[in-house]
Amino acid sequence: MLFTPINIGGMNIPNRFVRSATHEWMAKSDGTPTSRIGDLYEKLAINEVGLIITGYAYVNPKGKSDLFQQGIYEDKFINPYREIVSRVHKYDSKIVLQISHGGRQTMITTDNPYVLAPSSVIETTKGITPEEMTENEVLDTIEDFAQAVRRAKEAGFDGVQLHCAHGFLLSNFISPYTNRRKDRWGGSTEKRTQIILDIMVRIRELVGEKYPILVKLNVTDGFKPGSRRHALDAPESIEIAKILAKNGVSAIEVSGGIAEAGDELFRKCIDSPEKEAYYKDYAKMIKKQINVPVILVGGIRSKKIMEMLLMEDYADMISLCRPLIAEPDLVIKLKKGETDISKCVSCNLCSDENGIKCNYNFNK
């Protein structure tokens, strides 16, 4: 099944492999994507990664999360992205732009001295308390996301992915830990999900009904049970997935964790099958409840586990981050039987501000 095609919202993908969105540290300071980013995506396409999801692109300068992060907040980005997309489209791969707003993870700079979030809940890893967004700021952000999708479509991307995970703005809204609002964007599960639905409505007004909209969804904030009274986890995250699927989302990528939960985001030492696919149980519960494809990310390393996840209905697609940094040709190797497992040791040394790359010394 790993090498069988799949259709997502009208997007025909040649196999079940996804390059999960990964910050590359390769854009210009204003967010303009560079040829280095194109080199990276083209290499993945050459090596038959079925679906490439870009590093997160911020929809407003007030939502920038990291140095050398890609942007999509102005029309000036359309042509540079178009050049990159055309390089990928020389091959069979599809490419989707992930779009985001930093929320509580936004960088503080002299030009942007404060952080916006649904509620003023301190971000404990940085000791920063964000400003609660006004209604107009929420409405402006909805428009920012929708206009970003319009730009992505004009640039030729096959679809977009809304980043609703990992402590960024949209995941701040869906989590009861970070959303304490009393208006129409806070309170019940449905109200905390409303901003995503409002974004979806505005997207459809701009680009039509058939453009694929994927979501990367936090299924858990990642805190240890009982350590936070109000935190996102199952069964509520399953209900959120159901709401999204019923309202036009084309596929859901299951992920989890926020910075305050420690090493949940990028678990280290994935050195046995038992440690792989650490969100698989969430994915299986969600897959039983929705009728759109489920993509699973999180510590997946071996062909045996990949095949099991598909055959036993945990997921429809396998999403890889660090393994494709260590081995951009991993899909080809698996296809040809040259390997059964990624050489990635989950050391996280690939997070390199000079540009992502595997910095592990395999000869030591």
Protein backbone atom coordinates (compact mmCIF):
# COMPACT_ATOMS: atom_id res chain seq x y z
CA MET A 1 0.00 0.00 0.00
CA LEU A 2 2.91 2.40 0.55
CA PHE A 3 3.33 2.79 -3.19
CA THR A 4 -0.31 2.99 -4.24
CA PRO A 5 -1.87 6.33 -5.26
CA ILE A 6 -4.40 8.28 -3.23
CA ASN A 7 -6.68 11.21 -3.96
CA ILE A 8 -7.00 14.14 -1.54
CA GLY A 9 -9.61 16.70 -2.46
CA GLY A 10 -9.06 16.09 -6.17
CA MET A 11 -5.27 16.02 -5.79
CA ASN A 12 -3.88 12.75 -7.20
CA ILE A 13 -0.84 11.71 -5.18
CA PRO A 14 1.32 8.85 -6.53
CA ASN A 15 2.12 7.18 -3.21
CA ARG A 16 1.45 7.37 0.53
CA PHE A 17 4.55 9.35 1.56
CA VAL A 18 4.34 12.92 2.85
CA ARG A 19 7.13 15.30 3.65
CA SER A 20 5.74 16.89 6.80
CA ALA A 21 6.09 20.66 7.07
CA THR A 22 9.53 21.48 8.42
CA HIS A 23 11.03 24.92 9.08
CA GLU A 24 14.03 25.22 6.78
CA TRP A 25 15.74 28.49 7.91
CA MET A 26 16.27 29.23 4.22
CA ALA A 27 14.06 32.25 3.41
CA LYS A 28 15.21 35.85 3.19
CA SER A 29 14.73 38.07 6.23
CA ASP A 30 11.41 39.37 4.87
CA GLY A 31 10.12 35.84 4.24
CA THR A 32 10.84 35.65 0.51
CA PRO A 33 11.50 32.01 -0.45
CA THR A 34 14.91 31.33 -1.99
CA SER A 35 16.37 28.96 -4.56
CA ARG A 36 17.78 26.91 -1.68
CA ILE A 37 14.22 26.06 -0.69
CA GLY A 38 13.50 25.14 -4.29
CA ASP A 39 16.58 22.92 -4.32
CA LEU A 40 15.30 21.09 -1.26
CA TYR A 41 11.78 20.51 -2.57
CA GLU A 42 13.00 19.50 -6.03
CA LYS A 43 15.32 16.93 -4.46
CA LEU A 44 12.38 15.45 -2.56
CA ALA A 45 10.32 15.35 -5.77
CA ILE A 46 13.12 13.67 -7.70
CA ASN A 47 13.18 11.04 -4.97
CA GLU A 48 9.44 10.35 -5.27
CA VAL A 49 8.03 11.88 -2.10
CA GLY A 50 4.36 11.85 -3.07
CA LEU A 51 3.22 14.97 -1.22
CA ILE A 52 5.57 17.76 -0.16
CA ILE A 53 4.29 20.14 2.52
CA THR A 54 6.41 23.26 2.77
CA GLY A 55 7.83 24.83 5.88
CA TYR A 56 5.33 27.09 7.61
CA ALA A 57 4.73 30.45 5.90
CA TYR A 58 3.47 33.30 8.05
CA VAL A 59 0.33 35.12 6.91
CA ASN A 60 1.11 38.40 8.67
CA PRO A 61 4.44 39.90 9.84
CA LYS A 62 2.91 40.08 13.33
CA GLY A 63 2.74 36.27 13.28
CA LYS A 64 6.32 35.47 12.33
CA SER A 65 7.69 32.68 14.50
CA ASP A 66 11.34 32.20 13.59
CA LEU A 67 14.37 33.53 11.79
CA PHE A 68 14.51 32.98 8.02
CA GLN A 69 10.93 31.72 7.99
CA GLN A 70 8.94 31.80 4.76
CA GLY A 71 6.22 34.40 4.35
CA ILE A 72 3.02 34.62 2.29
CA TYR A 73 1.60 37.93 3.54
CA GLU A 74 1.94 39.96 0.33
CA ASP A 75 1.47 39.38 -3.40
CA LYS A 76 5.21 39.91 -3.93
CA PHE A 77 5.71 36.30 -2.82
CA ILE A 78 3.63 34.80 -5.63
CA ASN A 79 6.29 34.77 -8.33
CA PRO A 80 9.14 33.38 -6.18
CA TYR A 81 6.84 30.57 -5.03
CA ARG A 82 5.67 29.98 -8.60
CA GLU A 83 9.27 29.30 -9.62
CA ILE A 84 9.66 26.78 -6.80
CA VAL A 85 6.37 25.03 -7.58
CA SER A 86 7.33 24.69 -11.24
CA ARG A 87 10.50 22.84 -10.21
CA VAL A 88 8.49 20.31 -8.21
CA HIS A 89 5.90 19.89 -10.95
CA LYS A 90 8.53 18.57 -13.36
CA TYR A 91 8.01 15.32 -11.44
CA ASP A 92 4.96 13.42 -10.15
CA SER A 93 4.98 14.94 -6.67
CA LYS A 94 2.36 17.35 -5.40
CA ILE A 95 3.24 20.36 -3.27
CA VAL A 96 1.14 22.10 -0.60
CA LEU A 97 1.95 25.36 1.20
CA GLN A 98 1.58 25.29 4.97
CA ILE A 99 0.35 28.62 6.30
CA SER A 100 0.45 29.82 9.88
CA HIS A 101 0.36 32.62 12.41
CA GLY A 102 2.70 32.30 15.37
CA GLY A 103 0.24 33.19 18.11
CA ARG A 104 1.95 32.54 21.43
CA GLN A 105 5.03 31.36 19.49
CA THR A 106 5.50 34.69 17.70
CA MET A 107 8.95 36.29 17.77
CA ILE A 108 9.21 39.54 19.72
CA THR A 109 11.22 42.17 17.85
CA THR A 110 11.57 45.94 17.86
CA ASP A 111 9.07 46.05 14.99
CA ASN A 112 6.71 43.64 16.72
CA PRO A 113 7.03 44.17 20.50
CA TYR A 114 4.04 42.09 21.60
CA VAL A 115 2.44 38.71 20.97
CA LEU A 116 -1.19 38.12 19.98
CA ALA A 117 -3.20 35.12 21.15
CA PRO A 118 -6.82 34.19 21.88
CA SER A 119 -6.30 34.88 25.60
CA SER A 120 -3.67 36.35 27.89
CA VAL A 121 -2.27 33.04 29.12
CA ILE A 122 1.44 33.15 29.96
CA GLU A 123 3.75 31.12 27.74
CA THR A 124 5.85 29.55 30.47
CA THR A 125 8.92 28.58 28.41
CA LYS A 126 9.51 32.24 27.48
CA GLY A 127 7.80 33.96 30.40
CA ILE A 128 5.74 36.03 27.95
CA THR A 129 2.09 36.90 28.44
CA PRO A 130 0.38 37.59 25.10
CA GLU A 131 -2.19 40.28 24.38
CA GLU A 132 -5.74 38.98 24.00
CA MET A 133 -6.88 39.55 20.43
CA THR A 134 -9.70 41.99 19.85
CA GLU A 135 -12.61 40.98 17.65
CA ASN A 136 -11.23 43.10 14.82
CA GLU A 137 -7.84 41.42 15.15
CA VAL A 138 -9.50 38.02 14.89
CA LEU A 139 -11.42 39.13 11.79
CA ASP A 140 -8.25 40.57 10.24
CA THR A 141 -6.44 37.28 10.88
CA ILE A 142 -9.21 35.31 9.19
CA GLU A 143 -8.71 37.52 6.14
CA ASP A 144 -4.92 37.11 6.36
CA PHE A 145 -5.25 33.33 6.14
CA ALA A 146 -7.74 33.49 3.28
CA GLN A 147 -5.61 35.91 1.24
CA ALA A 148 -2.60 33.67 1.83
CA VAL A 149 -4.54 30.79 0.27
CA ARG A 150 -5.42 32.96 -2.71
CA ARG A 151 -1.72 33.71 -3.20
CA ALA A 152 -0.82 30.03 -2.85
CA LYS A 153 -3.28 29.07 -5.55
CA GLU A 154 -2.03 31.82 -7.86
CA ALA A 155 1.52 30.54 -7.31
CA GLY A 156 0.44 27.09 -8.50
CA PHE A 157 0.46 25.16 -5.24
CA ASP A 158 -1.72 22.05 -5.37
CA GLY A 159 -3.33 22.98 -2.07
CA VAL A 160 -2.62 24.49 1.34
CA GLN A 161 -2.35 23.21 4.88
CA LEU A 162 -3.64 25.25 7.81
CA HIS A 163 -1.23 24.89 10.74
CA CYS A 164 -3.50 24.11 13.68
CA ALA A 165 -0.84 22.44 15.83
CA HIS A 166 2.24 22.91 18.02
CA GLY A 167 1.25 26.02 19.93
CA PHE A 168 0.75 28.35 16.98
CA LEU A 169 -2.27 30.63 16.74
CA LEU A 170 -4.94 28.27 15.40
CA SER A 171 -3.96 25.59 17.90
CA ASN A 172 -4.13 28.30 20.59
CA PHE A 173 -7.77 28.78 19.63
CA ILE A 174 -8.78 25.12 19.71
CA SER A 175 -7.12 24.37 23.06
CA PRO A 176 -9.02 25.16 26.27
CA TYR A 177 -5.63 25.69 27.94
CA THR A 178 -4.83 28.72 25.79
CA ASN A 179 -8.34 29.89 24.82
CA ARG A 180 -10.33 31.36 27.73
CA ARG A 181 -12.49 33.66 25.60
CA LYS A 182 -16.18 34.27 26.30
CA ASP A 183 -17.20 35.44 22.82
CA ARG A 184 -18.09 33.43 19.70
CA TRP A 185 -14.50 32.18 19.38
CA GLY A 186 -14.23 30.70 22.88
CA GLY A 187 -15.96 28.40 25.33
CA SER A 188 -17.34 25.20 23.84
CA THR A 189 -15.45 22.90 21.51
CA GLU A 190 -17.48 24.22 18.59
CA LYS A 191 -16.77 27.86 19.44
CA ARG A 192 -13.04 27.27 19.85
CA THR A 193 -13.03 25.66 16.41
CA GLN A 194 -15.07 28.47 14.85
CA ILE A 195 -12.11 30.54 13.66
CA ILE A 196 -10.98 27.66 11.43
CA LEU A 197 -14.49 27.33 9.99
CA ASP A 198 -14.62 31.09 9.38
CA ILE A 199 -11.28 30.85 7.56
CA MET A 200 -12.64 27.98 5.47
CA VAL A 201 -15.72 30.01 4.46
CA ARG A 202 -13.63 32.98 3.39
CA ILE A 203 -11.19 30.73 1.52
CA ARG A 204 -14.03 29.24 -0.49
CA GLU A 205 -15.25 32.72 -1.37
CA LEU A 206 -11.83 33.53 -2.80
CA VAL A 207 -10.69 30.30 -4.49
CA GLY A 208 -13.81 28.17 -4.92
CA GLU A 209 -14.93 24.85 -3.52
CA LYS A 210 -12.48 22.46 -5.18
CA TYR A 211 -9.11 23.72 -3.93
CA PRO A 212 -7.67 21.21 -1.39
CA ILE A 213 -7.45 22.54 2.18
CA LEU A 214 -5.56 20.28 4.59
CA VAL A 215 -5.17 20.76 8.33
CA LYS A 216 -2.31 19.82 10.63
CA LEU A 217 -4.18 19.20 13.87
CA ASN A 218 -2.98 19.08 17.44
CA VAL A 219 -4.69 16.07 18.98
CA THR A 220 -3.08 16.72 22.35
CA ASP A 221 -1.25 19.60 23.97
CA GLY A 222 1.13 16.94 25.25
CA PHE A 223 0.99 17.55 28.99
CA LYS A 224 1.21 14.60 31.33
CA PRO A 225 -2.25 13.48 32.49
CA GLY A 226 -3.48 15.66 35.32
CA SER A 227 -0.69 18.25 35.02
CA ARG A 228 -3.01 20.83 33.44
CA ARG A 229 -6.66 21.13 34.33
CA HIS A 230 -7.61 22.58 30.96
CA ALA A 231 -5.68 21.07 28.06
CA LEU A 232 -6.51 19.60 24.69
CA ASP A 233 -6.63 15.82 24.35
CA ALA A 234 -8.94 13.04 23.23
CA PRO A 235 -11.91 12.72 23.10
CA GLU A 236 -12.27 16.45 22.41
CA SER A 237 -9.67 16.49 19.65
CA ILE A 238 -11.62 13.74 17.90
CA GLU A 239 -14.70 15.97 17.96
CA ILE A 240 -12.68 18.82 16.47
CA ALA A 241 -11.50 16.53 13.67
CA LYS A 242 -15.11 15.57 12.96
CA ILE A 243 -16.17 19.22 12.81
CA LEU A 244 -13.38 20.03 10.36
CA ALA A 245 -14.07 17.04 8.13
CA LYS A 246 -17.76 17.93 7.97
CA ASN A 247 -16.92 21.48 6.93
CA GLY A 248 -14.79 20.86 3.89
CA VAL A 249 -11.29 20.00 5.11
CA SER A 250 -9.68 17.65 2.57
CA ALA A 251 -7.35 15.73 4.93
CA ILE A 252 -6.14 15.87 8.53
CA GLU A 253 -2.53 15.37 9.56
CA VAL A 254 -2.44 14.11 13.15
CA SER A 255 0.25 15.63 15.36
CA GLY A 256 0.58 16.97 18.88
CA GLY A 257 2.47 18.86 21.53
CA ILE A 258 3.26 22.45 22.45
CA ALA A 259 6.55 23.85 23.71
CA GLU A 260 5.38 23.97 27.33
CA ALA A 261 4.89 20.19 27.34
CA GLY A 262 8.63 19.59 26.99
CA ASP A 263 10.06 17.15 24.43
CA GLU A 264 6.67 16.10 23.08
CA LEU A 265 7.17 17.95 19.79
CA PHE A 266 10.36 16.20 18.67
CA ARG A 267 10.89 13.09 20.73
CA LYS A 268 14.46 11.85 20.75
CA CYS A 269 15.95 8.36 20.54
CA ILE A 270 13.31 6.68 18.39
CA ASP A 271 15.36 3.49 18.32
CA SER A 272 12.76 0.70 18.40
CA PRO A 273 9.43 -0.05 16.69
CA GLU A 274 7.63 0.38 20.02
CA LYS A 275 8.66 4.05 20.11
CA GLU A 276 7.51 4.84 16.59
CA ALA A 277 4.26 6.51 15.54
CA TYR A 278 3.53 7.94 18.96
CA TYR A 279 0.23 9.52 17.86
CA LYS A 280 -1.09 6.41 16.13
CA ASP A 281 -3.85 5.69 18.63
CA TYR A 282 -5.25 9.21 18.20
CA ALA A 283 -5.07 8.76 14.41
CA LYS A 284 -6.97 5.49 14.52
CA MET A 285 -9.73 6.98 16.67
CA ILE A 286 -10.05 9.92 14.29
CA LYS A 287 -9.96 7.76 11.17
CA LYS A 288 -12.93 5.77 12.46
CA GLN A 289 -14.96 8.97 12.78
CA ILE A 290 -14.25 10.90 9.57
CA ASN A 291 -14.49 10.27 5.83
CA VAL A 292 -11.41 12.18 4.65
CA PRO A 293 -7.82 10.86 4.57
CA VAL A 294 -5.80 10.81 7.78
CA ILE A 295 -2.08 11.56 7.63
CA LEU A 296 0.10 10.47 10.54
CA VAL A 297 3.38 12.04 11.64
CA GLY A 298 5.54 11.42 14.69
CA GLY A 299 8.61 9.23 14.99
CA ILE A 300 7.88 6.87 12.10
CA ARG A 301 11.11 5.22 11.01
CA SER A 302 10.67 1.65 9.71
CA LYS A 303 8.92 0.15 6.69
CA LYS A 304 7.36 -2.51 8.90
CA ILE A 305 5.59 0.12 11.00
CA MET A 306 4.62 2.19 7.94
CA GLU A 307 2.93 -0.81 6.36
CA MET A 308 1.20 -1.74 9.61
CA LEU A 309 -0.21 1.78 10.00
CA LEU A 310 -1.85 1.59 6.58
CA MET A 311 -2.97 -2.03 6.71
CA GLU A 312 -4.51 -1.76 10.17
CA ASP A 313 -6.33 1.51 9.45
CA TYR A 314 -4.37 3.85 11.65
CA ALA A 315 -3.79 6.22 8.75
CA ASP A 316 -3.98 6.68 4.99
CA MET A 317 -0.60 8.38 4.53
CA ILE A 318 2.78 8.34 6.27
CA SER A 319 4.28 11.73 7.09
CA LEU A 320 8.02 12.08 7.69
CA CYS A 321 10.10 15.00 8.92
CA ARG A 322 13.54 14.14 10.30
CA PRO A 323 14.02 10.94 8.25
CA LEU A 324 13.76 12.94 5.01
CA ILE A 325 16.32 15.43 6.31
CA ALA A 326 18.74 12.57 6.97
CA GLU A 327 17.84 10.78 3.73
CA PRO A 328 15.99 12.75 1.05
CA ASP A 329 16.09 9.55 -1.03
CA LEU A 330 14.49 7.37 1.65
CA VAL A 331 11.32 6.70 -0.37
CA ILE A 332 13.35 5.42 -3.33
CA LYS A 333 15.44 3.23 -1.01
CA LEU A 334 12.32 1.73 0.56
CA LYS A 335 10.78 1.17 -2.85
CA LYS A 336 13.86 -0.61 -4.21
CA GLY A 337 14.34 -2.67 -1.05
CA GLU A 338 17.70 -1.06 -0.33
CA THR A 339 16.69 -0.39 3.26
CA ASP A 340 13.86 -1.21 5.68
CA ILE A 341 14.44 1.65 8.10
CA SER A 342 15.60 5.24 8.13
CA LYS A 343 19.10 5.89 9.40
CA CYS A 344 17.72 8.88 11.38
CA VAL A 345 18.60 8.58 15.08
CA SER A 346 16.21 11.35 16.21
CA CYS A 347 18.98 13.50 17.66
CA ASN A 348 17.38 16.79 16.53
CA LEU A 349 20.73 18.21 15.40
CA CYS A 350 19.07 18.94 12.05
CA SER A 351 17.47 22.08 13.52
CA ASP A 352 20.14 24.33 12.08
CA GLU A 353 19.74 28.10 11.68
CA ASN A 354 22.09 27.93 8.69
CA GLY A 355 19.55 25.73 6.94
CA ILE A 356 18.18 22.33 7.93
CA LYS A 357 20.49 19.41 7.28
CA CYS A 358 21.52 16.22 9.02
CA ASN A 359 24.41 17.12 11.34
CA TYR A 360 24.77 13.72 13.00
CA ASN A 361 28.17 12.10 12.58
CA PHE A 362 27.33 8.56 11.47
CA ASN A 363 31.02 7.64 11.49
CA LYS A 364 31.69 8.48 15.12
